[in-house]
Each structure stands twice: as C-alpha cells, then as structure tokens.
C-alpha cells in the first residue's frame, strides 16, 4: 500500500506542476534557462556517448552479420537499433544521471534553506516557479538531444564500417535509408517526450520532499536518478508494446 501511495503522490505532484495557471510571458525566461541547462549542458556528454554507441553497435553487428548477409544490411540493422532503442534510452539515462540529480539537489537545498517557504510567503507558487520550467525545458530538450545522438552514432558507425570493415559509406547509407521507416523514428522520439517528463518530475519531486540537512539533499538526488532510470526502462517497454507490438 505504501508503494501505491508513493506512486499516487508522484502523480499528484506531476499534475499540480503542470495543470496550474501560468503565462508564457512570465515563464519563458526560466524555460529558456532550463533548455540551456538540460540541452546545451548535456550536449558534450551525449555526443561522446553516442559516438561510442555507434562504434560498438557497428562492431557487434558486423561480427554477427558480415559474411552471412549482404553488406548493406549492416547499415539497416545499426540504423534501426540506434533509432528505435539505443539512441532514445541511452540519451535519457545520461540526462537522468546528470540532470535529475541536479534538479533534486538544487530544489532540496532551497527547501532546507527555506527559500521555498519564502516564495510561498511572497505569494509565488513554487510549483509554477520551480517545477514547471524544469519539466517543460526537459521535455523540449530530450527529442533534440536524441536526434543529435542518433545522427552522431550513425555517422561514427558508418565511418567505422567504411574504414575498418570494408563496407563503403554509400553501401552503409543504402541499407540505412532504404530500410528506414517513419514509425521507427516516430516511436523513438515519442519515447523521449515521456522520458523527459519522468526525468524532470522525479528530480523536482524528490527535491521538494527533502526535510533534513545536507545528507537528505544527497539522498534525494540519488533517489531521483534511481527512480527516473527505472521509470525510463518501464516506459520504454510499454511504449514499445504500443508502437511496435
């Protein structure tokens, strides 16, 4: 029953953060700030991780396919793996580790130092001021980061195939483009919207739950990463059932 209560509290927090009166004119600056923090701030690590994802995926796929199937299927297989699964999920996990903990620690520190109480005294809704911009900014950033990660992974995968596997880039690209389905790209990007939602909500939720000192702030940051990562994997399965099942 305790688990269901926590799930209910999490859902209530999300609803209270989103379904509240707000105006874009007074909130857009904080949304831009969060897009910069989540999107631009995560870009270096995403580019590095995605490059190695493309390289490893190409190596493993070539090990299983080259010699038994036409070489252009290397591009097709790598492309679908990256676009459908590896790009969205690994991007979300990296952003979760970087941003969910940061949000939880930042808001938790504000709770401990009574800055959130000060907002309430000034008649400023802390959910609108703190949670809403982070949620919207993360939801906007995640699909953009995912597209960059997928392009990066496929580029490095194609270059490795060209220079080390004797699969010309044109052949790799042929398999990639001729077996491309809009549903694959759509399904991957749909995931990222929900991933961004759970990452930002978990970070804000556990930040608001802090009741102690520095130790509780650190614990809330850990909880935010763990819970958002688990929710990412659960949502990945559920969305895959709906879109590809």
C-alpha atoms as a PDB file:
ATOM      1  CA  UNK A   1       0.000   0.000   0.000  1.00  0.00           C
ATOM      2  CA  UNK A   2       2.959   2.269   0.722  1.00  0.00           C
ATOM      3  CA  UNK A   3       4.173   1.819  -2.860  1.00  0.00           C
ATOM      4  CA  UNK A   4       0.796   2.789  -4.304  1.00  0.00           C
ATOM      5  CA  UNK A   5       0.709   5.792  -2.006  1.00  0.00           C
ATOM      6  CA  UNK A   6       4.093   6.963  -3.283  1.00  0.00           C
ATOM      7  CA  UNK A   7       3.014   6.442  -6.892  1.00  0.00           C
ATOM      8  CA  UNK A   8      -0.116   8.468  -6.179  1.00  0.00           C
ATOM      9  CA  UNK A   9       1.897  11.274  -4.581  1.00  0.00           C
ATOM     10  CA  UNK A  10       4.224  11.307  -7.583  1.00  0.00           C
ATOM     11  CA  UNK A  11       1.259  11.574  -9.989  1.00  0.00           C
ATOM     12  CA  UNK A  12      -0.348  14.307  -7.886  1.00  0.00           C
ATOM     13  CA  UNK A  13       2.905  16.260  -7.883  1.00  0.00           C
ATOM     14  CA  UNK A  14       3.128  15.986 -11.687  1.00  0.00           C
ATOM     15  CA  UNK A  15      -0.464  17.135 -12.111  1.00  0.00           C
ATOM     16  CA  UNK A  16      -0.023  20.030  -9.719  1.00  0.00           C
ATOM     17  CA  UNK A  17       3.148  21.132 -11.519  1.00  0.00           C
ATOM     18  CA  UNK A  18       1.611  21.053 -14.999  1.00  0.00           C
ATOM     19  CA  UNK A  19      -2.079  21.824 -14.618  1.00  0.00           C
ATOM     20  CA  UNK A  20      -1.722  25.185 -12.929  1.00  0.00           C
ATOM     21  CA  UNK A  21      -2.427  28.656 -14.342  1.00  0.00           C
ATOM     22  CA  UNK A  22       0.676  30.147 -15.919  1.00  0.00           C
ATOM     23  CA  UNK A  23       1.605  32.631 -18.615  1.00  0.00           C
ATOM     24  CA  UNK A  24       4.330  32.129 -21.198  1.00  0.00           C
ATOM     25  CA  UNK A  25       5.356  35.785 -20.876  1.00  0.00           C
ATOM     26  CA  UNK A  26       6.337  35.393 -17.233  1.00  0.00           C
ATOM     27  CA  UNK A  27       7.716  31.848 -17.509  1.00  0.00           C
ATOM     28  CA  UNK A  28       9.580  31.769 -20.824  1.00  0.00           C
ATOM     29  CA  UNK A  29      12.871  33.061 -19.409  1.00  0.00           C
ATOM     30  CA  UNK A  30      13.035  30.246 -16.870  1.00  0.00           C
ATOM     31  CA  UNK A  31      12.080  27.740 -19.565  1.00  0.00           C
ATOM     32  CA  UNK A  32      14.911  29.026 -21.791  1.00  0.00           C
ATOM     33  CA  UNK A  33      17.269  28.683 -18.836  1.00  0.00           C
ATOM     34  CA  UNK A  34      16.276  25.042 -18.322  1.00  0.00           C
ATOM     35  CA  UNK A  35      16.553  24.244 -22.039  1.00  0.00           C
ATOM     36  CA  UNK A  36      20.074  25.617 -21.869  1.00  0.00           C
ATOM     37  CA  UNK A  37      20.921  23.705 -18.691  1.00  0.00           C
ATOM     38  CA  UNK A  38      19.468  20.390 -19.846  1.00  0.00           C
ATOM     39  CA  UNK A  39      20.021  20.627 -23.605  1.00  0.00           C
ATOM     40  CA  UNK A  40      23.214  22.591 -24.159  1.00  0.00           C
ATOM     41  CA  UNK A  41      24.694  21.430 -20.871  1.00  0.00           C
ATOM     42  CA  UNK A  42      24.181  17.752 -21.717  1.00  0.00           C
ATOM     43  CA  UNK A  43      25.389  18.054 -25.313  1.00  0.00           C
ATOM     44  CA  UNK A  44      29.103  17.239 -24.775  1.00  0.00           C
ATOM     45  CA  UNK A  45      28.481  14.006 -22.861  1.00  0.00           C
ATOM     46  CA  UNK A  46      25.717  12.979 -25.272  1.00  0.00           C
ATOM     47  CA  UNK A  47      27.979  13.472 -28.297  1.00  0.00           C
ATOM     48  CA  UNK A  48      30.767  11.398 -26.729  1.00  0.00           C
ATOM     49  CA  UNK A  49      28.470   8.588 -25.575  1.00  0.00           C
ATOM     50  CA  UNK A  50      26.574   8.470 -28.876  1.00  0.00           C
ATOM     51  CA  UNK A  51      29.800   8.218 -30.889  1.00  0.00           C
ATOM     52  CA  UNK A  52      30.878   5.149 -28.957  1.00  0.00           C
ATOM     53  CA  UNK A  53      27.371   3.695 -29.123  1.00  0.00           C
ATOM     54  CA  UNK A  54      27.582   3.886 -32.918  1.00  0.00           C
ATOM     55  CA  UNK A  55      31.050   2.333 -32.945  1.00  0.00           C
ATOM     56  CA  UNK A  56      30.182  -0.530 -30.587  1.00  0.00           C
ATOM     57  CA  UNK A  57      26.880  -1.251 -32.327  1.00  0.00           C
ATOM     58  CA  UNK A  58      28.611  -1.411 -35.697  1.00  0.00           C
ATOM     59  CA  UNK A  59      31.343  -3.705 -34.406  1.00  0.00           C
ATOM     60  CA  UNK A  60      28.897  -6.094 -32.741  1.00  0.00           C
ATOM     61  CA  UNK A  61      26.508  -6.116 -35.696  1.00  0.00           C
ATOM     62  CA  UNK A  62      29.289  -6.747 -38.198  1.00  0.00           C
ATOM     63  CA  UNK A  63      30.533  -9.641 -36.061  1.00  0.00           C
ATOM     64  CA  UNK A  64      27.115 -11.288 -36.334  1.00  0.00           C
ATOM     65  CA  UNK A  65      26.152 -10.372 -39.919  1.00  0.00           C
ATOM     66  CA  UNK A  66      29.161  -9.815 -42.171  1.00  0.00           C
ATOM     67  CA  UNK A  67      29.798 -12.894 -44.300  1.00  0.00           C
ATOM     68  CA  UNK A  68      26.290 -14.297 -43.972  1.00  0.00           C
ATOM     69  CA  UNK A  69      24.102 -11.477 -45.340  1.00  0.00           C
ATOM     70  CA  UNK A  70      24.534  -8.653 -47.884  1.00  0.00           C
ATOM     71  CA  UNK A  71      26.777  -5.913 -46.560  1.00  0.00           C
ATOM     72  CA  UNK A  72      24.166  -3.163 -46.890  1.00  0.00           C
ATOM     73  CA  UNK A  73      22.141  -4.842 -44.137  1.00  0.00           C
ATOM     74  CA  UNK A  74      24.803  -3.632 -41.719  1.00  0.00           C
ATOM     75  CA  UNK A  75      23.532  -0.073 -42.171  1.00  0.00           C
ATOM     76  CA  UNK A  76      19.928  -1.190 -41.881  1.00  0.00           C
ATOM     77  CA  UNK A  77      20.469  -3.121 -38.659  1.00  0.00           C
ATOM     78  CA  UNK A  78      22.633  -0.494 -36.974  1.00  0.00           C
ATOM     79  CA  UNK A  79      20.226   2.261 -38.017  1.00  0.00           C
ATOM     80  CA  UNK A  80      17.154   0.592 -36.591  1.00  0.00           C
ATOM     81  CA  UNK A  81      18.882  -0.362 -33.347  1.00  0.00           C
ATOM     82  CA  UNK A  82      20.089   3.197 -32.816  1.00  0.00           C
ATOM     83  CA  UNK A  83      16.885   4.987 -33.859  1.00  0.00           C
ATOM     84  CA  UNK A  84      14.403   2.718 -32.092  1.00  0.00           C
ATOM     85  CA  UNK A  85      16.201   1.791 -28.902  1.00  0.00           C
ATOM     86  CA  UNK A  86      19.779   2.777 -28.171  1.00  0.00           C
ATOM     87  CA  UNK A  87      19.548   6.463 -29.074  1.00  0.00           C
ATOM     88  CA  UNK A  88      16.467   7.358 -27.005  1.00  0.00           C
ATOM     89  CA  UNK A  89      17.177   5.128 -23.995  1.00  0.00           C
ATOM     90  CA  UNK A  90      20.888   5.853 -23.540  1.00  0.00           C
ATOM     91  CA  UNK A  91      20.298   9.573 -24.070  1.00  0.00           C
ATOM     92  CA  UNK A  92      17.599   9.508 -21.409  1.00  0.00           C
ATOM     93  CA  UNK A  93      19.785   7.601 -18.948  1.00  0.00           C
ATOM     94  CA  UNK A  94      22.646  10.050 -19.429  1.00  0.00           C
ATOM     95  CA  UNK A  95      20.356  13.053 -18.951  1.00  0.00           C
ATOM     96  CA  UNK A  96      18.815  11.370 -15.918  1.00  0.00           C
ATOM     97  CA  UNK A  97      22.196  10.902 -14.281  1.00  0.00           C
ATOM     98  CA  UNK A  98      23.206  14.468 -14.981  1.00  0.00           C
ATOM     99  CA  UNK A  99      20.003  16.484 -14.617  1.00  0.00           C
ATOM    100  CA  UNK A 100      17.601  14.611 -12.311  1.00  0.00           C
ATOM    101  CA  UNK A 101      20.183  14.632  -9.525  1.00  0.00           C
ATOM    102  CA  UNK A 102      20.981  18.287 -10.185  1.00  0.00           C
ATOM    103  CA  UNK A 103      17.315  19.308 -10.006  1.00  0.00           C
ATOM    104  CA  UNK A 104      16.741  17.339  -6.824  1.00  0.00           C
ATOM    105  CA  UNK A 105      19.835  18.789  -5.147  1.00  0.00           C
ATOM    106  CA  UNK A 106      19.043  22.339  -6.190  1.00  0.00           C
ATOM    107  CA  UNK A 107      15.416  22.278  -5.093  1.00  0.00           C
ATOM    108  CA  UNK A 108      16.287  20.267  -1.986  1.00  0.00           C
ATOM    109  CA  UNK A 109      18.800  22.900  -0.957  1.00  0.00           C
ATOM    110  CA  UNK A 110      16.166  25.571  -1.460  1.00  0.00           C
ATOM    111  CA  UNK A 111      13.797  23.572   0.762  1.00  0.00           C
ATOM    112  CA  UNK A 112      16.418  23.162   3.500  1.00  0.00           C
ATOM    113  CA  UNK A 113      17.372  26.853   3.423  1.00  0.00           C
ATOM    114  CA  UNK A 114      13.666  27.859   3.476  1.00  0.00           C
ATOM    115  CA  UNK A 115      13.818  29.616   0.115  1.00  0.00           C
ATOM    116  CA  UNK A 116      10.686  27.728  -0.986  1.00  0.00           C
ATOM    117  CA  UNK A 117       8.898  28.952   2.138  1.00  0.00           C
ATOM    118  CA  UNK A 118       9.961  32.474   1.189  1.00  0.00           C
ATOM    119  CA  UNK A 119       8.396  32.046  -2.259  1.00  0.00           C
ATOM    120  CA  UNK A 120       5.131  30.992  -0.659  1.00  0.00           C
ATOM    121  CA  UNK A 121       5.227  33.991   1.681  1.00  0.00           C
ATOM    122  CA  UNK A 122       5.596  36.243  -1.385  1.00  0.00           C
ATOM    123  CA  UNK A 123       2.528  34.516  -2.917  1.00  0.00           C
ATOM    124  CA  UNK A 124       4.645  32.839  -5.628  1.00  0.00           C
ATOM    125  CA  UNK A 125       3.572  29.287  -6.397  1.00  0.00           C
ATOM    126  CA  UNK A 126       6.767  27.189  -6.027  1.00  0.00           C
ATOM    127  CA  UNK A 127       5.388  24.540  -8.377  1.00  0.00           C
ATOM    128  CA  UNK A 128       4.889  27.093 -11.123  1.00  0.00           C
ATOM    129  CA  UNK A 129       8.171  28.858 -10.372  1.00  0.00           C
ATOM    130  CA  UNK A 130      10.436  25.818  -9.849  1.00  0.00           C
ATOM    131  CA  UNK A 131       8.843  22.662 -11.265  1.00  0.00           C
ATOM    132  CA  UNK A 132       7.018  23.815 -14.383  1.00  0.00           C
ATOM    133  CA  UNK A 133      10.016  25.417 -16.189  1.00  0.00           C
ATOM    134  CA  UNK A 134      12.170  22.359 -15.475  1.00  0.00           C
ATOM    135  CA  UNK A 135       9.548  19.956 -16.770  1.00  0.00           C
ATOM    136  CA  UNK A 136       8.842  21.937 -19.942  1.00  0.00           C
ATOM    137  CA  UNK A 137      12.540  22.611 -20.567  1.00  0.00           C
ATOM    138  CA  UNK A 138      13.445  18.925 -20.225  1.00  0.00           C
ATOM    139  CA  UNK A 139      10.563  17.756 -22.418  1.00  0.00           C
ATOM    140  CA  UNK A 140      11.683  20.203 -25.128  1.00  0.00           C
ATOM    141  CA  UNK A 141      15.355  19.268 -24.838  1.00  0.00           C
ATOM    142  CA  UNK A 142      15.069  15.482 -24.875  1.00  0.00           C
ATOM    143  CA  UNK A 143      13.882  14.987 -28.502  1.00  0.00           C
ATOM    144  CA  UNK A 144      16.540  17.427 -29.745  1.00  0.00           C
ATOM    145  CA  UNK A 145      19.284  15.647 -27.817  1.00  0.00           C
ATOM    146  CA  UNK A 146      18.023  12.309 -29.104  1.00  0.00           C
ATOM    147  CA  UNK A 147      18.148  13.433 -32.753  1.00  0.00           C
ATOM    148  CA  UNK A 148      21.709  14.709 -32.291  1.00  0.00           C
ATOM    149  CA  UNK A 149      22.725  11.479 -30.554  1.00  0.00           C
ATOM    150  CA  UNK A 150      21.257   9.307 -33.317  1.00  0.00           C
ATOM    151  CA  UNK A 151      22.918  11.313 -36.084  1.00  0.00           C
ATOM    152  CA  UNK A 152      26.232  11.181 -34.225  1.00  0.00           C
ATOM    153  CA  UNK A 153      26.006   7.428 -33.601  1.00  0.00           C
ATOM    154  CA  UNK A 154      25.120   6.629 -37.211  1.00  0.00           C
ATOM    155  CA  UNK A 155      27.857   8.900 -38.552  1.00  0.00           C
ATOM    156  CA  UNK A 156      30.568   7.231 -36.486  1.00  0.00           C
ATOM    157  CA  UNK A 157      29.117   3.806 -37.224  1.00  0.00           C
ATOM    158  CA  UNK A 158      29.205   4.492 -40.947  1.00  0.00           C
ATOM    159  CA  UNK A 159      32.752   5.840 -40.797  1.00  0.00           C
ATOM    160  CA  UNK A 160      33.955   2.782 -38.899  1.00  0.00           C
ATOM    161  CA  UNK A 161      32.269   0.479 -41.407  1.00  0.00           C
ATOM    162  CA  UNK A 162      33.887   2.390 -44.270  1.00  0.00           C
ATOM    163  CA  UNK A 163      37.453   2.481 -42.949  1.00  0.00           C
ATOM    164  CA  UNK A 164      37.703  -0.754 -40.957  1.00  0.00           C
ATOM    165  CA  UNK A 165      35.077  -3.206 -42.232  1.00  0.00           C
ATOM    166  CA  UNK A 166      35.416  -2.676 -45.979  1.00  0.00           C
ATOM    167  CA  UNK A 167      31.785  -1.557 -46.210  1.00  0.00           C
ATOM    168  CA  UNK A 168      31.717   1.664 -48.270  1.00  0.00           C
ATOM    169  CA  UNK A 169      29.805   4.508 -46.715  1.00  0.00           C
ATOM    170  CA  UNK A 170      27.478   4.542 -49.732  1.00  0.00           C
ATOM    171  CA  UNK A 171      26.598   0.882 -49.096  1.00  0.00           C
ATOM    172  CA  UNK A 172      26.075   1.542 -45.389  1.00  0.00           C
ATOM    173  CA  UNK A 173      23.891   4.545 -46.234  1.00  0.00           C
ATOM    174  CA  UNK A 174      21.924   2.494 -48.772  1.00  0.00           C
ATOM    175  CA  UNK A 175      20.910  -0.002 -46.116  1.00  0.00           C
ATOM    176  CA  UNK A 176      20.215   2.800 -43.657  1.00  0.00           C
ATOM    177  CA  UNK A 177      17.909   4.782 -45.959  1.00  0.00           C
ATOM    178  CA  UNK A 178      16.198   2.045 -47.968  1.00  0.00           C
ATOM    179  CA  UNK A 179      15.051   0.189 -44.869  1.00  0.00           C
ATOM    180  CA  UNK A 180      14.062   3.286 -42.961  1.00  0.00           C
ATOM    181  CA  UNK A 181      10.510   3.504 -41.635  1.00  0.00           C
ATOM    182  CA  UNK A 182       8.877   6.639 -40.272  1.00  0.00           C
ATOM    183  CA  UNK A 183       7.363   4.552 -37.493  1.00  0.00           C
ATOM    184  CA  UNK A 184      10.864   3.760 -36.220  1.00  0.00           C
ATOM    185  CA  UNK A 185      11.812   7.419 -35.896  1.00  0.00           C
ATOM    186  CA  UNK A 186       8.386   8.362 -34.551  1.00  0.00           C
ATOM    187  CA  UNK A 187       8.451   5.618 -31.928  1.00  0.00           C
ATOM    188  CA  UNK A 188      11.910   6.639 -30.735  1.00  0.00           C
ATOM    189  CA  UNK A 189      11.016  10.326 -30.466  1.00  0.00           C
ATOM    190  CA  UNK A 190       7.724   9.620 -28.684  1.00  0.00           C
ATOM    191  CA  UNK A 191       9.736   7.838 -26.015  1.00  0.00           C
ATOM    192  CA  UNK A 192      11.890  10.884 -25.428  1.00  0.00           C
ATOM    193  CA  UNK A 193       8.916  13.100 -24.550  1.00  0.00           C
ATOM    194  CA  UNK A 194       7.867  10.705 -21.798  1.00  0.00           C
ATOM    195  CA  UNK A 195      11.469  10.184 -20.708  1.00  0.00           C
ATOM    196  CA  UNK A 196      11.901  13.940 -20.320  1.00  0.00           C
ATOM    197  CA  UNK A 197       8.693  14.086 -18.321  1.00  0.00           C
ATOM    198  CA  UNK A 198       9.749  11.442 -15.794  1.00  0.00           C
ATOM    199  CA  UNK A 199      13.328  12.738 -15.506  1.00  0.00           C
ATOM    200  CA  UNK A 200      12.265  16.283 -14.641  1.00  0.00           C
ATOM    201  CA  UNK A 201       9.340  15.226 -12.464  1.00  0.00           C
ATOM    202  CA  UNK A 202      11.489  12.832 -10.438  1.00  0.00           C
ATOM    203  CA  UNK A 203      14.157  15.477  -9.950  1.00  0.00           C
ATOM    204  CA  UNK A 204      11.667  18.098  -8.781  1.00  0.00           C
ATOM    205  CA  UNK A 205       9.572  15.694  -6.702  1.00  0.00           C
ATOM    206  CA  UNK A 206      12.433  14.368  -4.612  1.00  0.00           C
ATOM    207  CA  UNK A 207      13.809  17.881  -4.235  1.00  0.00           C
ATOM    208  CA  UNK A 208      10.518  19.030  -2.730  1.00  0.00           C
ATOM    209  CA  UNK A 209      10.489  16.029  -0.350  1.00  0.00           C
ATOM    210  CA  UNK A 210      13.737  16.983   1.421  1.00  0.00           C
ATOM    211  CA  UNK A 211      13.154  17.543   5.127  1.00  0.00           C
ATOM    212  CA  UNK A 212      16.620  17.362   6.695  1.00  0.00           C
ATOM    213  CA  UNK A 213      20.074  18.708   6.035  1.00  0.00           C
ATOM    214  CA  UNK A 214      22.865  18.065   3.551  1.00  0.00           C
ATOM    215  CA  UNK A 215      22.626  14.277   3.903  1.00  0.00           C
ATOM    216  CA  UNK A 216      18.953  14.327   2.885  1.00  0.00           C
ATOM    217  CA  UNK A 217      19.756  16.522  -0.104  1.00  0.00           C
ATOM    218  CA  UNK A 218      22.284  13.967  -1.332  1.00  0.00           C
ATOM    219  CA  UNK A 219      19.856  11.130  -0.690  1.00  0.00           C
ATOM    220  CA  UNK A 220      17.111  12.881  -2.657  1.00  0.00           C
ATOM    221  CA  UNK A 221      19.488  13.327  -5.600  1.00  0.00           C
ATOM    222  CA  UNK A 222      20.238   9.598  -5.534  1.00  0.00           C
ATOM    223  CA  UNK A 223      16.552   8.689  -5.343  1.00  0.00           C
ATOM    224  CA  UNK A 224      15.810  10.980  -8.284  1.00  0.00           C
ATOM    225  CA  UNK A 225      18.345   9.214 -10.521  1.00  0.00           C
ATOM    226  CA  UNK A 226      17.336   5.706  -9.456  1.00  0.00           C
ATOM    227  CA  UNK A 227      13.586   6.266  -9.796  1.00  0.00           C
ATOM    228  CA  UNK A 228      13.816   8.136 -13.100  1.00  0.00           C
ATOM    229  CA  UNK A 229      16.087   5.424 -14.557  1.00  0.00           C
ATOM    230  CA  UNK A 230      13.645   2.683 -13.548  1.00  0.00           C
ATOM    231  CA  UNK A 231      10.712   4.642 -14.969  1.00  0.00           C
ATOM    232  CA  UNK A 232      12.626   5.167 -18.220  1.00  0.00           C
ATOM    233  CA  UNK A 233      13.039   1.411 -18.671  1.00  0.00           C
ATOM    234  CA  UNK A 234       9.403   0.699 -17.743  1.00  0.00           C
ATOM    235  CA  UNK A 235       8.141   3.347 -20.174  1.00  0.00           C
ATOM    236  CA  UNK A 236      10.482   2.035 -22.848  1.00  0.00           C
ATOM    237  CA  UNK A 237       8.826  -1.371 -22.597  1.00  0.00           C
ATOM    238  CA  UNK A 238       5.265  -0.008 -22.508  1.00  0.00           C
ATOM    239  CA  UNK A 239       5.756   2.356 -25.457  1.00  0.00           C
ATOM    240  CA  UNK A 240       7.440  -0.426 -27.451  1.00  0.00           C
ATOM    241  CA  UNK A 241       4.356  -2.577 -26.887  1.00  0.00           C
ATOM    242  CA  UNK A 242       2.066   0.177 -28.147  1.00  0.00           C
ATOM    243  CA  UNK A 243       4.123   1.387 -31.119  1.00  0.00           C
ATOM    244  CA  UNK A 244       5.893  -1.796 -32.258  1.00  0.00           C
ATOM    245  CA  UNK A 245       3.887  -4.579 -30.650  1.00  0.00           C
END
